[in-house]
Amino acid sequence: MHVVFVPKRRRKTILGQARRQLGAIFQALARQKECQMIEGHLMPDHVHMCIAIPPSTRWHR
């Protein structure tokens, strides 16, 4: 599944410390939901992630 996160008004807020922490946070969330982060790209104004989600996972929550 391809997921894109965009800050409000596409502001360039994903910088510095936040950028360094977000990668680890998204990885931890994927593991918690029994998913696998295939690829991710953090840009200053958006995030792209490719996530493998098992069929048994309820992803709407």
Protein backbone atom coordinates (compact mmCIF):
# COMPACT_ATOMS: atom_id res chain seq x y z
CA MET A 1 0.00 0.00 0.00
CA HIS A 2 1.31 3.46 -0.87
CA VAL A 3 0.64 6.06 1.85
CA VAL A 4 1.31 9.81 1.69
CA PHE A 5 1.21 12.13 4.70
CA VAL A 6 1.04 15.88 4.08
CA PRO A 7 1.19 18.59 6.80
CA LYS A 8 -1.57 21.19 6.83
CA ARG A 9 -1.15 23.58 3.89
CA ARG A 10 1.86 21.50 2.85
CA ARG A 11 4.13 23.49 5.14
CA LYS A 12 7.77 22.47 5.25
CA THR A 13 7.68 21.18 8.82
CA ILE A 14 9.47 17.82 8.48
CA LEU A 15 12.95 19.10 9.24
CA GLY A 16 15.82 18.53 11.66
CA GLN A 17 14.99 16.60 14.84
CA ALA A 18 11.44 15.78 13.71
CA ARG A 19 12.75 14.29 10.48
CA ARG A 20 15.26 12.09 12.33
CA GLN A 21 12.59 10.79 14.73
CA LEU A 22 9.78 10.18 12.24
CA GLY A 23 11.54 7.33 10.45
CA ALA A 24 11.90 5.36 13.69
CA ILE A 25 8.34 6.21 14.75
CA PHE A 26 6.84 4.98 11.46
CA GLN A 27 8.94 1.78 11.65
CA ALA A 28 7.74 1.13 15.22
CA LEU A 29 4.09 1.72 14.26
CA ALA A 30 4.40 -0.68 11.33
CA ARG A 31 5.86 -3.40 13.59
CA GLN A 32 3.13 -2.77 16.19
CA LYS A 33 0.47 -3.35 13.52
CA GLU A 34 2.34 -6.42 12.18
CA CYS A 35 3.11 -4.66 8.90
CA GLN A 36 6.39 -4.19 7.08
CA MET A 37 7.74 -0.85 5.91
CA ILE A 38 9.13 -1.60 2.43
CA GLU A 39 10.31 1.91 1.62
CA GLY A 40 9.87 5.42 2.95
CA HIS A 41 10.93 8.90 1.95
CA LEU A 42 10.74 11.92 4.24
CA MET A 43 10.54 15.22 2.39
CA PRO A 44 10.27 18.65 4.05
CA ASP A 45 6.59 18.95 3.09
CA HIS A 46 5.37 15.33 2.82
CA VAL A 47 6.11 11.66 3.54
CA HIS A 48 5.84 8.72 1.12
CA MET A 49 5.69 5.17 2.47
CA CYS A 50 5.25 1.79 0.85
CA ILE A 51 3.87 -0.63 3.44
CA ALA A 52 3.20 -4.38 3.20
CA ILE A 53 0.01 -5.16 5.11
CA PRO A 54 -0.97 -8.79 5.75
CA PRO A 55 -4.53 -9.68 4.66
CA SER A 56 -5.48 -10.46 8.27
CA THR A 57 -4.60 -6.94 9.48
CA ARG A 58 -7.45 -4.53 10.15
CA TRP A 59 -5.90 -1.36 8.69
CA HIS A 60 -8.88 0.96 9.14
CA ARG A 61 -8.05 1.53 12.82
